[in-house]
């Protein structure tokens, strides 16, 4: 009975190690996706602010 327990223990340690590596990869991918999303949001905000500034300047010229 102790052989089964030792084998299960070894299998569990291997499983935990494999899952740890797998989840590190998932975390890295999520961080990259998060950076891309934040970059896109910042670009959109900058574009909107530029457009608003242009419209305000255009309005001042036309009035």
Protein backbone atom coordinates (compact mmCIF):
# COMPACT_ATOMS: atom_id res chain seq x y z
CA UNK A 1 0.00 0.00 0.00
CA UNK A 2 2.87 2.39 0.67
CA UNK A 3 4.14 1.92 -2.93
CA UNK A 4 0.89 3.28 -4.29
CA UNK A 5 1.06 6.26 -1.99
CA UNK A 6 4.66 7.01 -3.00
CA UNK A 7 3.79 6.70 -6.70
CA UNK A 8 0.77 8.92 -6.25
CA UNK A 9 2.91 11.43 -4.40
CA UNK A 10 5.47 11.47 -7.22
CA UNK A 11 2.70 11.79 -9.82
CA UNK A 12 1.12 14.64 -7.89
CA UNK A 13 4.44 16.51 -7.62
CA UNK A 14 4.96 16.06 -11.36
CA UNK A 15 1.43 17.25 -12.06
CA UNK A 16 1.91 20.34 -9.89
CA UNK A 17 5.21 21.15 -11.62
CA UNK A 18 3.68 20.79 -15.09
CA UNK A 19 0.67 22.93 -14.15
CA UNK A 20 2.96 25.57 -12.67
CA UNK A 21 4.84 25.90 -15.96
CA UNK A 22 1.58 25.94 -17.91
CA UNK A 23 0.07 28.68 -15.75
CA UNK A 24 3.23 30.76 -16.01
CA UNK A 25 2.75 30.69 -19.77
CA UNK A 26 -0.91 31.66 -19.41
CA UNK A 27 0.04 34.55 -17.13
CA UNK A 28 2.64 35.79 -19.62
CA UNK A 29 0.06 35.71 -22.43
CA UNK A 30 -2.50 37.55 -20.33
CA UNK A 31 0.02 40.25 -19.45
CA UNK A 32 0.85 40.73 -23.14
CA UNK A 33 -2.83 40.96 -24.03
CA UNK A 34 -3.36 43.44 -21.21
CA UNK A 35 -0.49 45.63 -22.49
CA UNK A 36 -1.93 45.60 -26.01
CA UNK A 37 -5.39 46.55 -24.73
CA UNK A 38 -4.03 49.37 -22.58
CA UNK A 39 -1.94 50.62 -25.49
CA UNK A 40 -5.03 50.68 -27.70
CA UNK A 41 -7.07 52.50 -25.08
CA UNK A 42 -4.34 55.11 -24.61
CA UNK A 43 -4.06 55.59 -28.38
CA UNK A 44 -7.82 56.10 -28.64
CA UNK A 45 -7.80 58.63 -25.82
CA UNK A 46 -4.93 60.52 -27.44
CA UNK A 47 -6.75 60.50 -30.77
CA UNK A 48 -9.96 61.78 -29.17
CA UNK A 49 -8.13 64.55 -27.32
CA UNK A 50 -6.39 65.59 -30.53
CA UNK A 51 -9.70 65.63 -32.41
CA UNK A 52 -11.37 67.67 -29.66
CA UNK A 53 -8.48 70.13 -29.69
CA UNK A 54 -8.74 70.43 -33.46
CA UNK A 55 -12.50 71.04 -33.28
CA UNK A 56 -12.12 73.67 -30.57
CA UNK A 57 -9.46 75.44 -32.65
CA UNK A 58 -11.63 75.21 -35.76
CA UNK A 59 -14.61 76.64 -33.89
CA UNK A 60 -12.49 79.57 -32.67
CA UNK A 61 -11.37 80.32 -36.22
CA UNK A 62 -14.89 80.16 -37.64
CA UNK A 63 -16.46 82.46 -35.04
